[in-house]
């Protein structure tokens, strides 16, 4: 789960870099929240999909 969070954070960080107009970096809390929420949704989706596959057997 933590690996997928890092991957989604890296993607969010590359799409919306945490740099001000004058080139100063800042704490990307928005990207962190986006990656955590996306990882939670993807984790729930994978869990539901796995349960459905296992019930078919």
Protein backbone atom coordinates (compact mmCIF):
# COMPACT_ATOMS: atom_id res chain seq x y z
CA UNK A 1 0.00 0.00 0.00
CA UNK A 2 2.80 2.40 0.78
CA UNK A 3 4.50 1.70 -2.56
CA UNK A 4 1.34 2.61 -4.46
CA UNK A 5 0.98 5.76 -2.35
CA UNK A 6 4.51 6.82 -3.28
CA UNK A 7 3.81 6.09 -6.95
CA UNK A 8 0.57 8.10 -6.98
CA UNK A 9 2.30 10.93 -5.10
CA UNK A 10 5.10 10.98 -7.68
CA UNK A 11 2.55 11.17 -10.49
CA UNK A 12 0.60 13.95 -8.74
CA UNK A 13 3.84 15.80 -8.01
CA UNK A 14 4.97 15.63 -11.63
CA UNK A 15 1.58 16.82 -12.92
CA UNK A 16 1.39 19.73 -10.46
CA UNK A 17 4.89 20.53 -9.13
CA UNK A 18 5.13 22.35 -5.79
CA UNK A 19 7.01 25.40 -7.09
CA UNK A 20 5.93 29.02 -6.78
CA UNK A 21 6.10 31.46 -9.68
CA UNK A 22 9.51 32.73 -8.53
CA UNK A 23 10.97 29.19 -8.36
CA UNK A 24 10.66 28.52 -4.61
CA UNK A 25 9.61 25.02 -3.56
CA UNK A 26 6.91 24.56 -0.92
CA UNK A 27 5.28 21.70 0.98
CA UNK A 28 2.95 19.89 -1.44
CA UNK A 29 0.19 19.03 1.03
CA UNK A 30 -2.41 19.04 -1.74
CA UNK A 31 -0.46 16.40 -3.66
CA UNK A 32 -0.05 14.33 -0.50
CA UNK A 33 -3.80 14.40 0.19
CA UNK A 34 -4.60 13.58 -3.44
CA UNK A 35 -2.28 10.58 -3.42
CA UNK A 36 -3.65 9.26 -0.12
CA UNK A 37 -7.26 9.58 -1.28
CA UNK A 38 -6.54 8.03 -4.67
CA UNK A 39 -4.67 5.18 -3.01
CA UNK A 40 -7.60 4.56 -0.64
CA UNK A 41 -10.05 4.41 -3.56
CA UNK A 42 -7.78 2.14 -5.60
CA UNK A 43 -7.27 -0.13 -2.59
CA UNK A 44 -11.02 -0.45 -2.06
CA UNK A 45 -11.52 -1.19 -5.77
CA UNK A 46 -8.86 -3.90 -5.78
CA UNK A 47 -10.30 -5.42 -2.59
CA UNK A 48 -13.82 -5.59 -4.05
CA UNK A 49 -12.51 -7.00 -7.31
CA UNK A 50 -10.52 -9.67 -5.45
CA UNK A 51 -13.53 -10.70 -3.36
CA UNK A 52 -15.67 -11.04 -6.50
CA UNK A 53 -13.05 -13.19 -8.21
CA UNK A 54 -12.67 -15.42 -5.17
CA UNK A 55 -16.44 -15.92 -4.84
CA UNK A 56 -16.64 -17.22 -8.41
CA UNK A 57 -14.37 -20.16 -7.56
